[in-house]
Amino acid sequence: MRNRVDILNDLVSFNGNLPALKDELSQYSWDTEEPYLVITRRQFLEILKKCLEQKITFQDLENWADSIECRDDLDFEDEELQEIVFEFSSPEINGEITKERLQEIIKNLSE
């Protein structure tokens, strides 16, 4: 069994199959006192670039965001990242993910 931090790193970096990573994480308690990993802007930008480069789909990005949203074992470098994850994980509320929106977010996060 892999350790939690390695699995979370793969999840945050979108390295591997999301359902398999979620299944691996299900072996660990959902609730934690402190986060095991903090998602940085740099990591976040890498995922958005993967989507723009069509290495992952908009649906993959939505599923990824849904997988990391509200996890006690993950935290975000800043609140803006957390808000974007919510936006992506709930397109039925926040509007669909588009190439233009990704480019806008990348520009804002890179400044």
C-alpha atoms as a PDB file:
ATOM      1  CA  MET A   1       0.000   0.000   0.000  1.00  0.00           C
ATOM      2  CA  ARG A   2       1.394   3.401  -1.017  1.00  0.00           C
ATOM      3  CA  ASN A   3       1.533   6.185   1.521  1.00  0.00           C
ATOM      4  CA  ARG A   4      -1.068   8.918   1.525  1.00  0.00           C
ATOM      5  CA  VAL A   5       1.290  11.753   0.531  1.00  0.00           C
ATOM      6  CA  ASP A   6       2.482   9.897  -2.589  1.00  0.00           C
ATOM      7  CA  ILE A   7      -1.106   9.264  -3.665  1.00  0.00           C
ATOM      8  CA  LEU A   8      -2.087  12.889  -2.968  1.00  0.00           C
ATOM      9  CA  ASN A   9       0.907  14.090  -4.994  1.00  0.00           C
ATOM     10  CA  ASP A  10      -0.243  11.965  -7.922  1.00  0.00           C
ATOM     11  CA  LEU A  11      -3.799  13.246  -7.527  1.00  0.00           C
ATOM     12  CA  VAL A  12      -2.771  16.906  -7.361  1.00  0.00           C
ATOM     13  CA  SER A  13      -0.432  16.481 -10.358  1.00  0.00           C
ATOM     14  CA  PHE A  14      -2.994  14.388 -12.257  1.00  0.00           C
ATOM     15  CA  ASN A  15      -0.463  11.585 -12.629  1.00  0.00           C
ATOM     16  CA  GLY A  16      -2.474   8.466 -13.232  1.00  0.00           C
ATOM     17  CA  ASN A  17      -6.059   7.373 -13.407  1.00  0.00           C
ATOM     18  CA  LEU A  18      -8.361   9.509 -11.212  1.00  0.00           C
ATOM     19  CA  PRO A  19     -10.734   6.705 -10.212  1.00  0.00           C
ATOM     20  CA  ALA A  20      -7.767   4.500  -9.276  1.00  0.00           C
ATOM     21  CA  LEU A  21      -6.185   7.310  -7.232  1.00  0.00           C
ATOM     22  CA  LYS A  22      -9.490   7.986  -5.475  1.00  0.00           C
ATOM     23  CA  ASP A  23      -9.799   4.277  -4.755  1.00  0.00           C
ATOM     24  CA  GLU A  24      -6.291   4.228  -3.261  1.00  0.00           C
ATOM     25  CA  LEU A  25      -7.139   7.228  -1.086  1.00  0.00           C
ATOM     26  CA  SER A  26     -10.307   5.544   0.144  1.00  0.00           C
ATOM     27  CA  GLN A  27      -8.053   3.321   2.255  1.00  0.00           C
ATOM     28  CA  TYR A  28      -7.319   6.359   4.424  1.00  0.00           C
ATOM     29  CA  SER A  29      -9.657   8.275   6.699  1.00  0.00           C
ATOM     30  CA  TRP A  30     -11.354  11.265   5.056  1.00  0.00           C
ATOM     31  CA  ASP A  31     -10.970  13.472   8.140  1.00  0.00           C
ATOM     32  CA  THR A  32      -7.558  14.751   9.190  1.00  0.00           C
ATOM     33  CA  GLU A  33      -6.430  17.302  11.727  1.00  0.00           C
ATOM     34  CA  GLU A  34      -3.944  18.945   9.351  1.00  0.00           C
ATOM     35  CA  PRO A  35      -3.473  18.842   5.577  1.00  0.00           C
ATOM     36  CA  TYR A  36      -0.792  16.491   4.289  1.00  0.00           C
ATOM     37  CA  LEU A  37      -0.180  18.557   1.167  1.00  0.00           C
ATOM     38  CA  VAL A  38      -0.640  22.152   0.034  1.00  0.00           C
ATOM     39  CA  ILE A  39      -1.544  22.739  -3.599  1.00  0.00           C
ATOM     40  CA  THR A  40       0.616  25.526  -5.012  1.00  0.00           C
ATOM     41  CA  ARG A  41      -0.111  27.958  -7.808  1.00  0.00           C
ATOM     42  CA  ARG A  42       2.665  26.328  -9.822  1.00  0.00           C
ATOM     43  CA  GLN A  43       1.061  22.875  -9.528  1.00  0.00           C
ATOM     44  CA  PHE A  44      -2.329  24.327 -10.354  1.00  0.00           C
ATOM     45  CA  LEU A  45      -1.013  26.107 -13.436  1.00  0.00           C
ATOM     46  CA  GLU A  46       0.523  22.850 -14.670  1.00  0.00           C
ATOM     47  CA  ILE A  47      -2.901  21.175 -14.607  1.00  0.00           C
ATOM     48  CA  LEU A  48      -4.527  24.056 -16.473  1.00  0.00           C
ATOM     49  CA  LYS A  49      -1.769  23.938 -19.096  1.00  0.00           C
ATOM     50  CA  LYS A  50      -2.304  20.174 -19.509  1.00  0.00           C
ATOM     51  CA  CYS A  51      -5.915  20.955 -20.326  1.00  0.00           C
ATOM     52  CA  LEU A  52      -5.050  23.699 -22.813  1.00  0.00           C
ATOM     53  CA  GLU A  53      -2.550  21.347 -24.469  1.00  0.00           C
ATOM     54  CA  GLN A  54      -5.367  18.765 -24.694  1.00  0.00           C
ATOM     55  CA  LYS A  55      -3.456  16.236 -22.576  1.00  0.00           C
ATOM     56  CA  ILE A  56      -6.589  16.142 -20.410  1.00  0.00           C
ATOM     57  CA  THR A  57     -10.158  17.103 -21.322  1.00  0.00           C
ATOM     58  CA  PHE A  58     -12.468  19.675 -19.756  1.00  0.00           C
ATOM     59  CA  GLN A  59     -14.356  16.718 -18.257  1.00  0.00           C
ATOM     60  CA  ASP A  60     -11.086  15.406 -16.791  1.00  0.00           C
ATOM     61  CA  LEU A  61     -10.445  18.837 -15.287  1.00  0.00           C
ATOM     62  CA  GLU A  62     -13.924  18.897 -13.777  1.00  0.00           C
ATOM     63  CA  ASN A  63     -13.451  15.401 -12.322  1.00  0.00           C
ATOM     64  CA  TRP A  64     -10.011  16.374 -10.981  1.00  0.00           C
ATOM     65  CA  ALA A  65     -11.420  19.480  -9.299  1.00  0.00           C
ATOM     66  CA  ASP A  66     -14.242  17.426  -7.833  1.00  0.00           C
ATOM     67  CA  SER A  67     -11.670  14.950  -6.505  1.00  0.00           C
ATOM     68  CA  ILE A  68      -9.617  17.567  -4.652  1.00  0.00           C
ATOM     69  CA  GLU A  69     -12.400  19.884  -3.494  1.00  0.00           C
ATOM     70  CA  CYS A  70     -13.237  19.765   0.226  1.00  0.00           C
ATOM     71  CA  ARG A  71     -10.546  17.246   1.165  1.00  0.00           C
ATOM     72  CA  ASP A  72      -9.250  17.714   4.713  1.00  0.00           C
ATOM     73  CA  ASP A  73      -5.901  16.235   3.713  1.00  0.00           C
ATOM     74  CA  LEU A  74      -5.310  18.916   1.054  1.00  0.00           C
ATOM     75  CA  ASP A  75      -4.987  22.653   1.382  1.00  0.00           C
ATOM     76  CA  PHE A  76      -4.424  25.486  -1.092  1.00  0.00           C
ATOM     77  CA  GLU A  77      -1.631  28.026  -1.275  1.00  0.00           C
ATOM     78  CA  ASP A  78      -4.288  30.726  -1.371  1.00  0.00           C
ATOM     79  CA  GLU A  79      -8.049  31.126  -1.373  1.00  0.00           C
ATOM     80  CA  GLU A  80      -8.176  32.018  -5.070  1.00  0.00           C
ATOM     81  CA  LEU A  81      -7.118  28.475  -6.003  1.00  0.00           C
ATOM     82  CA  GLN A  82      -9.815  27.045  -3.782  1.00  0.00           C
ATOM     83  CA  GLU A  83     -12.435  29.246  -5.470  1.00  0.00           C
ATOM     84  CA  ILE A  84     -11.301  28.121  -8.929  1.00  0.00           C
ATOM     85  CA  VAL A  85     -11.513  24.472  -7.865  1.00  0.00           C
ATOM     86  CA  PHE A  86     -15.092  25.086  -6.753  1.00  0.00           C
ATOM     87  CA  GLU A  87     -15.837  26.778 -10.093  1.00  0.00           C
ATOM     88  CA  PHE A  88     -14.455  23.829 -12.069  1.00  0.00           C
ATOM     89  CA  SER A  89     -16.056  21.153  -9.902  1.00  0.00           C
ATOM     90  CA  SER A  90     -19.537  22.657 -10.331  1.00  0.00           C
ATOM     91  CA  PRO A  91     -19.932  23.838 -13.942  1.00  0.00           C
ATOM     92  CA  GLU A  92     -23.705  23.405 -13.698  1.00  0.00           C
ATOM     93  CA  ILE A  93     -23.658  26.292 -11.204  1.00  0.00           C
ATOM     94  CA  ASN A  94     -20.635  28.303 -12.354  1.00  0.00           C
ATOM     95  CA  GLY A  95     -20.696  27.848 -16.121  1.00  0.00           C
ATOM     96  CA  GLU A  96     -18.853  25.423 -18.324  1.00  0.00           C
ATOM     97  CA  ILE A  97     -15.088  25.275 -18.541  1.00  0.00           C
ATOM     98  CA  THR A  98     -13.779  26.895 -21.711  1.00  0.00           C
ATOM     99  CA  LYS A  99     -10.393  27.465 -23.303  1.00  0.00           C
ATOM    100  CA  GLU A 100     -10.888  31.218 -22.881  1.00  0.00           C
ATOM    101  CA  ARG A 101     -11.639  30.840 -19.176  1.00  0.00           C
ATOM    102  CA  LEU A 102      -8.537  28.708 -18.674  1.00  0.00           C
ATOM    103  CA  GLN A 103      -6.390  31.284 -20.467  1.00  0.00           C
ATOM    104  CA  GLU A 104      -7.852  34.047 -18.286  1.00  0.00           C
ATOM    105  CA  ILE A 105      -7.139  32.092 -15.095  1.00  0.00           C
ATOM    106  CA  ILE A 106      -3.598  31.263 -16.196  1.00  0.00           C
ATOM    107  CA  LYS A 107      -2.937  34.925 -16.940  1.00  0.00           C
ATOM    108  CA  ASN A 108      -4.315  36.018 -13.545  1.00  0.00           C
ATOM    109  CA  LEU A 109      -2.438  33.354 -11.579  1.00  0.00           C
ATOM    110  CA  SER A 110       0.826  34.063 -13.404  1.00  0.00           C
ATOM    111  CA  GLU A 111       0.874  37.779 -12.544  1.00  0.00           C
END
